[in-house]
N, C-alpha and C. Protein backbone atom coordinates (compact mmCIF):
# COMPACT_ATOMS: atom_id res chain seq x y z
N MET A 1 79.37 92.16 81.16
CA MET A 1 80.37 93.14 81.04
C MET A 1 80.74 93.12 79.94
N PRO A 2 80.56 95.04 79.32
CA PRO A 2 81.16 95.30 77.73
C PRO A 2 82.16 95.48 77.42
N ARG A 3 82.74 95.05 76.56
CA ARG A 3 84.49 95.47 76.02
C ARG A 3 84.40 96.25 75.17
N ILE A 4 85.10 97.29 74.92
CA ILE A 4 85.48 98.57 74.31
C ILE A 4 87.09 98.71 73.91
N ILE A 5 87.08 98.73 72.82
CA ILE A 5 88.45 98.91 72.09
C ILE A 5 89.75 98.31 73.15
N GLY A 6 89.28 97.04 74.28
CA GLY A 6 90.43 96.04 74.91
C GLY A 6 89.90 96.60 76.27
N VAL A 7 89.04 97.18 76.47
CA VAL A 7 88.82 98.04 77.77
C VAL A 7 87.56 97.21 78.53
N ASP A 8 87.30 96.34 79.55
CA ASP A 8 86.19 96.10 79.99
C ASP A 8 85.28 97.38 80.41
N ILE A 9 84.50 97.96 80.65
CA ILE A 9 83.63 98.95 80.90
C ILE A 9 82.87 98.40 82.03
N PRO A 10 82.85 99.03 83.38
CA PRO A 10 82.05 98.44 84.33
C PRO A 10 80.54 98.07 83.34
N ALA A 11 79.72 97.41 84.51
CA ALA A 11 78.56 97.21 83.22
C ALA A 11 77.32 97.73 84.22
N ASN A 12 77.33 98.15 85.81
CA ASN A 12 76.39 98.70 86.58
C ASN A 12 76.27 100.17 86.57
N LYS A 13 77.01 100.64 85.57
CA LYS A 13 77.29 101.95 85.51
C LYS A 13 76.33 103.00 84.24
N LYS A 14 76.15 103.90 84.26
CA LYS A 14 75.21 104.50 82.76
C LYS A 14 76.66 104.77 82.10
N VAL A 15 76.04 104.26 80.72
CA VAL A 15 77.03 104.75 79.79
C VAL A 15 77.92 105.71 79.48
N LEU A 16 77.58 106.70 79.93
CA LEU A 16 77.94 108.09 79.96
C LEU A 16 79.18 108.04 81.00
N PHE A 17 79.09 107.49 82.28
CA PHE A 17 80.39 107.56 82.90
C PHE A 17 81.35 105.79 82.65
N ALA A 18 80.23 105.42 82.71
CA ALA A 18 81.21 103.80 81.88
C ALA A 18 82.39 103.53 81.34
N LEU A 19 81.93 104.98 80.33
CA LEU A 19 83.26 105.44 79.34
C LEU A 19 84.65 105.97 79.05
N THR A 20 84.02 106.49 80.79
CA THR A 20 85.44 107.40 81.50
C THR A 20 86.35 106.04 82.01
N ALA A 21 86.16 104.83 82.37
CA ALA A 21 87.06 103.77 82.49
C ALA A 21 88.64 103.67 81.55
N ILE A 22 87.85 104.33 79.89
CA ILE A 22 88.99 103.99 79.26
C ILE A 22 89.92 105.07 78.68
N TYR A 23 90.71 104.82 79.22
CA TYR A 23 92.13 106.40 79.44
C TYR A 23 91.99 106.62 78.19
N GLY A 24 92.46 107.95 78.72
CA GLY A 24 92.11 109.83 77.44
C GLY A 24 90.90 109.91 77.30
N VAL A 25 89.09 109.18 78.18
CA VAL A 25 87.83 109.66 77.56
C VAL A 25 87.28 110.11 78.88
N GLY A 26 87.50 111.15 79.22
CA GLY A 26 86.85 112.34 79.74
C GLY A 26 84.92 111.83 80.06
N PRO A 27 84.78 112.71 81.05
CA PRO A 27 83.31 112.76 80.49
C PRO A 27 82.83 113.81 79.66
N LYS A 28 83.32 114.53 78.56
CA LYS A 28 83.16 115.29 77.80
C LYS A 28 82.99 114.38 76.87
N ARG A 29 83.95 114.06 77.02
CA ARG A 29 84.49 113.09 74.86
C ARG A 29 83.57 111.85 74.83
N SER A 30 83.57 111.32 76.24
CA SER A 30 82.28 110.75 76.20
C SER A 30 80.76 110.85 75.74
N ALA A 31 80.36 112.48 76.44
CA ALA A 31 79.67 112.25 75.68
C ALA A 31 79.28 112.89 74.26
N GLN A 32 80.07 113.35 73.79
CA GLN A 32 80.41 113.68 72.41
C GLN A 32 80.07 112.47 71.94
N VAL A 33 80.94 110.96 72.22
CA VAL A 33 80.85 110.14 71.58
C VAL A 33 79.45 109.14 71.36
N LEU A 34 78.86 109.24 72.50
CA LEU A 34 77.83 108.77 72.57
C LEU A 34 76.33 109.81 71.85
N GLN A 35 77.01 110.83 72.12
CA GLN A 35 75.53 111.45 70.93
C GLN A 35 75.86 111.21 69.58
N GLU A 36 77.08 111.09 69.27
CA GLU A 36 77.63 110.84 67.57
C GLU A 36 76.79 109.26 67.32
N ALA A 37 77.59 107.91 68.65
CA ALA A 37 76.93 107.04 67.73
C ALA A 37 75.33 106.74 68.21
N GLY A 38 74.90 107.80 68.59
CA GLY A 38 73.01 107.83 68.37
C GLY A 38 72.81 106.48 69.92
N VAL A 39 73.92 107.37 71.04
CA VAL A 39 72.96 106.20 72.40
C VAL A 39 72.69 106.74 73.20
N ASP A 40 72.10 106.29 73.98
CA ASP A 40 70.55 107.27 75.43
C ASP A 40 71.92 107.37 75.99
N GLN A 41 72.85 108.34 77.14
CA GLN A 41 73.39 108.74 78.24
C GLN A 41 73.27 107.88 79.17
N ASN A 42 71.61 107.83 79.50
CA ASN A 42 71.00 107.35 80.45
C ASN A 42 71.28 106.20 80.61
N LYS A 43 71.22 105.36 79.80
CA LYS A 43 71.01 103.58 79.33
C LYS A 43 72.54 102.92 79.87
N ARG A 44 72.27 102.08 80.73
CA ARG A 44 73.18 100.99 81.13
C ARG A 44 74.15 100.65 80.55
N ALA A 45 75.58 100.09 80.97
CA ALA A 45 76.18 99.64 80.01
C ALA A 45 76.10 98.17 79.79
N ARG A 46 75.36 97.58 80.61
CA ARG A 46 75.29 96.29 80.39
C ARG A 46 73.85 95.82 79.29
N ASP A 47 73.07 96.97 79.59
CA ASP A 47 72.10 97.01 78.29
C ASP A 47 72.31 96.89 77.40
N LEU A 48 73.53 97.59 76.79
CA LEU A 48 74.15 98.12 75.19
C LEU A 48 73.68 96.55 74.60
N THR A 49 73.37 97.13 73.02
CA THR A 49 73.08 96.32 72.38
C THR A 49 74.78 96.34 71.51
N THR A 50 74.69 95.07 70.75
CA THR A 50 75.85 94.48 69.66
C THR A 50 76.38 95.75 68.98
N SER A 51 74.83 96.14 68.72
CA SER A 51 75.18 97.23 67.24
C SER A 51 75.63 98.63 68.37
N GLU A 52 75.24 98.45 69.24
CA GLU A 52 75.42 100.15 69.47
C GLU A 52 77.09 100.24 70.11
N ILE A 53 77.39 99.01 70.73
CA ILE A 53 79.02 98.68 70.99
C ILE A 53 79.53 99.12 69.78
N SER A 54 79.63 98.68 68.61
CA SER A 54 80.05 98.55 67.54
C SER A 54 80.05 100.02 67.10
N ARG A 55 78.82 101.30 67.40
CA ARG A 55 78.70 102.54 67.32
C ARG A 55 79.75 103.07 67.85
N ILE A 56 79.78 102.75 68.92
CA ILE A 56 80.37 103.49 69.67
C ILE A 56 82.13 102.92 69.82
N GLN A 57 81.90 102.11 69.52
CA GLN A 57 83.68 101.67 68.92
C GLN A 57 84.19 102.33 67.81
N LYS A 58 83.41 102.97 66.82
CA LYS A 58 83.84 103.33 65.69
C LYS A 58 84.16 104.79 66.05
N ALA A 59 82.94 105.44 66.68
CA ALA A 59 82.93 106.64 67.19
C ALA A 59 84.64 106.82 67.91
N LEU A 60 84.83 105.82 68.62
CA LEU A 60 86.06 106.14 69.43
C LEU A 60 87.42 105.93 68.49
N GLU A 61 87.19 105.54 67.15
CA GLU A 61 88.36 105.18 66.00
C GLU A 61 89.53 106.62 66.03
N LYS A 62 88.33 107.66 66.09
CA LYS A 62 88.91 109.08 65.62
C LYS A 62 89.94 109.84 66.57
N TYR A 63 90.05 108.75 68.00
CA TYR A 63 91.07 109.60 69.02
C TYR A 63 91.67 108.77 69.39
N THR A 64 92.96 109.31 69.69
CA THR A 64 94.11 108.57 70.46
C THR A 64 93.54 108.11 71.84
N LEU A 65 93.83 106.93 72.34
CA LEU A 65 93.56 106.04 73.65
C LEU A 65 94.12 105.33 73.94
N GLU A 66 94.01 105.09 74.86
CA GLU A 66 94.90 103.79 75.72
C GLU A 66 96.28 103.63 75.89
N GLY A 67 96.52 102.61 75.36
CA GLY A 67 97.97 102.72 74.56
C GLY A 67 98.96 103.76 73.80
N ASP A 68 98.60 104.02 72.48
CA ASP A 68 98.61 104.76 71.88
C ASP A 68 98.80 106.46 73.04
N LEU A 69 98.18 106.19 73.21
CA LEU A 69 97.81 108.13 74.16
C LEU A 69 99.35 107.94 74.93
N ARG A 70 99.21 106.58 75.75
CA ARG A 70 99.86 106.75 77.22
C ARG A 70 101.90 106.59 76.71
N ARG A 71 101.85 106.00 75.18
CA ARG A 71 103.22 105.80 74.61
C ARG A 71 103.46 107.36 74.02
N GLN A 72 102.22 107.65 73.36
CA GLN A 72 102.55 108.98 73.26
C GLN A 72 103.37 110.77 74.27
N ILE A 73 102.11 110.14 75.59
CA ILE A 73 102.29 111.09 76.70
C ILE A 73 104.06 110.45 77.03
N ASN A 74 104.49 109.72 76.84
CA ASN A 74 105.50 109.50 77.38
C ASN A 74 106.58 109.55 76.34
N ASP A 75 106.41 109.52 75.00
CA ASP A 75 107.57 109.72 74.35
C ASP A 75 107.66 111.23 74.26
N ASN A 76 106.64 112.26 74.51
CA ASN A 76 106.76 113.71 74.78
C ASN A 76 107.78 114.29 76.41
N ILE A 77 107.48 113.05 77.40
CA ILE A 77 108.28 113.67 78.29
C ILE A 77 109.51 112.86 77.78
N ASP A 78 109.99 111.69 77.84
CA ASP A 78 111.29 111.65 76.89
C ASP A 78 112.04 112.31 75.99
N ARG A 79 111.24 113.29 75.32
CA ARG A 79 112.03 113.90 74.58
C ARG A 79 112.51 115.23 75.06
N LEU A 80 111.30 115.85 76.41
CA LEU A 80 112.14 116.81 77.40
C LEU A 80 113.02 116.63 77.64
N ILE A 81 113.23 115.09 78.46
CA ILE A 81 114.10 114.48 79.05
C ILE A 81 115.90 114.91 78.35
N ARG A 82 115.77 114.33 76.87
CA ARG A 82 116.56 114.04 76.26
C ARG A 82 117.40 115.51 75.71
N VAL A 83 116.69 116.06 75.63
CA VAL A 83 117.15 117.89 75.48
C VAL A 83 117.01 118.51 76.23
N ARG A 84 117.13 118.20 77.53
CA ARG A 84 117.87 119.21 78.92
C ARG A 84 117.18 120.33 78.72
N CYS A 85 115.71 120.53 78.49
CA CYS A 85 115.26 121.52 79.06
C CYS A 85 114.85 121.65 80.44
N TYR A 86 114.22 122.93 80.90
CA TYR A 86 113.92 122.68 82.35
C TYR A 86 112.79 121.57 82.79
N ARG A 87 111.68 121.76 82.21
CA ARG A 87 110.85 120.86 82.22
C ARG A 87 111.35 119.63 82.49
N GLY A 88 111.75 118.91 81.10
CA GLY A 88 112.66 117.32 81.40
C GLY A 88 113.78 117.28 82.12
N ARG A 89 114.30 118.12 82.86
CA ARG A 89 114.83 118.17 83.96
C ARG A 89 114.06 117.56 85.25
N ARG A 90 113.47 118.59 85.27
CA ARG A 90 112.68 118.25 86.52
C ARG A 90 111.17 117.29 86.91
N HIS A 91 110.81 116.57 85.59
CA HIS A 91 110.06 115.15 85.19
C HIS A 91 111.69 113.92 85.98
N GLN A 92 112.73 114.49 85.47
CA GLN A 92 114.15 113.65 85.55
C GLN A 92 114.07 113.87 87.23
N VAL A 93 113.99 114.56 88.23
CA VAL A 93 114.36 114.51 89.29
C VAL A 93 113.01 114.00 89.61
N LYS A 94 112.01 114.17 89.16
CA LYS A 94 110.48 113.99 89.98
C LYS A 94 109.97 114.70 90.82
N LEU A 95 109.99 116.37 90.10
CA LEU A 95 109.73 117.40 91.06
C LEU A 95 108.33 118.18 90.14
N PRO A 96 107.56 118.94 90.69
CA PRO A 96 106.69 119.17 90.14
C PRO A 96 106.69 120.17 88.82
N VAL A 97 106.20 120.43 88.01
CA VAL A 97 106.90 121.08 86.63
C VAL A 97 106.47 121.95 86.69
N ARG A 98 104.70 122.23 86.55
CA ARG A 98 104.21 123.46 86.20
C ARG A 98 104.61 124.71 87.07
N GLY A 99 105.58 124.54 87.81
CA GLY A 99 105.79 125.97 88.68
C GLY A 99 104.83 125.70 89.89
N GLN A 100 104.70 125.09 90.65
CA GLN A 100 104.17 124.79 91.53
C GLN A 100 105.14 124.62 92.90
N ARG A 101 104.61 125.42 94.16
CA ARG A 101 105.77 125.42 95.28
C ARG A 101 106.39 124.15 95.91
N THR A 102 107.38 123.87 96.24
CA THR A 102 107.84 123.00 96.52
C THR A 102 108.02 123.44 98.29
N ARG A 103 108.51 124.18 98.56
CA ARG A 103 109.22 124.71 100.02
C ARG A 103 107.13 123.71 101.00
N THR A 104 106.24 124.19 100.67
CA THR A 104 105.81 123.28 101.61
C THR A 104 104.72 122.53 100.53
N ASN A 105 104.17 121.52 100.94
CA ASN A 105 103.16 120.53 99.64
C ASN A 105 104.12 119.64 99.16
N ALA A 106 103.39 119.39 97.95
CA ALA A 106 104.77 118.80 97.05
C ALA A 106 104.63 117.26 97.75
N ARG A 107 103.81 116.84 98.27
CA ARG A 107 104.45 115.68 99.05
C ARG A 107 104.54 114.29 98.23
N ILE A 108 103.73 114.50 96.95
CA ILE A 108 103.98 113.05 96.40
C ILE A 108 105.69 113.45 95.61
N ALA A 109 105.33 114.35 95.13
CA ALA A 109 107.23 114.72 95.08
C ALA A 109 108.53 114.35 95.58
N ARG A 110 107.62 115.24 96.69
CA ARG A 110 109.39 114.99 97.86
C ARG A 110 109.27 113.69 98.23
N GLY A 111 108.21 113.07 98.32
CA GLY A 111 108.36 111.29 99.29
C GLY A 111 107.39 111.19 100.06
N GLY A 112 106.27 110.67 100.22
CA GLY A 112 105.28 110.95 101.22
C GLY A 112 105.75 110.17 102.49
N VAL A 113 106.08 109.11 102.51
CA VAL A 113 106.62 109.07 103.66
C VAL A 113 108.03 108.89 104.31
N LYS A 114 108.97 109.18 102.79
CA LYS A 114 110.87 109.14 103.40
C LYS A 114 110.82 110.73 103.41
N ARG A 115 110.51 111.59 102.80
CA ARG A 115 110.07 112.80 102.99
C ARG A 115 111.40 113.34 103.28
N ARG A 116 111.52 114.13 101.95
CA ARG A 116 113.54 114.31 102.29
C ARG A 116 112.92 116.05 101.33
N THR A 117 113.75 116.68 102.05
CA THR A 117 114.11 118.13 101.79
C THR A 117 114.20 118.83 100.28
N VAL A 118 113.44 119.85 99.31
CA VAL A 118 113.60 119.81 98.35
C VAL A 118 113.88 121.21 98.35
N GLY A 119 112.54 122.27 98.80
CA GLY A 119 112.55 123.64 98.25
C GLY A 119 113.23 124.46 99.46
N SER A 120 113.87 124.12 100.83
CA SER A 120 114.51 124.64 102.04
C SER A 120 115.06 124.24 102.82
N VAL A 121 115.84 124.49 103.28
CA VAL A 121 116.80 123.82 104.25
C VAL A 121 116.01 123.22 105.41
N SER A 122 116.50 121.89 105.95
CA SER A 122 115.30 121.13 106.16
C SER A 122 116.24 121.55 107.98
N LYS A 123 115.53 120.80 109.06
CA LYS A 123 115.66 121.93 110.38
C LYS A 123 116.70 121.20 111.09
N ASP A 124 117.44 120.00 110.84
CA ASP A 124 118.39 119.50 110.98
C ASP A 124 119.79 120.14 110.84
N GLN A 125 119.58 120.85 109.41
CA GLN A 125 120.71 121.59 109.32
C GLN A 125 120.98 123.01 109.21
N LYS A 126 119.90 123.48 110.06
CA LYS A 126 120.18 124.78 110.32
C LYS A 126 120.53 124.95 111.60
């Protein structure tokens, strides 16, 4: 199982899809990195040589990935909460941030099992 920037990537998948196991790398960025590194996209991850792995790692160095990316996203959310803007308050109370409706759906935000009322009055209170 190859290890790239501290992440074990699945050995039995094609490299194009195996690289998506790294946080911050999707299919498009994976294809860009493989093209830049000069590695065949259809090759299995277990068949990568050490030189190919090092070329992929070198190509990935210019992107913010894994822990740094998670930290950056969390810092941005913390900043929104700290300045008490609308989006920050929505994050704080764990509601949808980007304008989605809450009267129906929003099950994750409203609590999957617990089911608390968010957008409208509950049936018990009518």
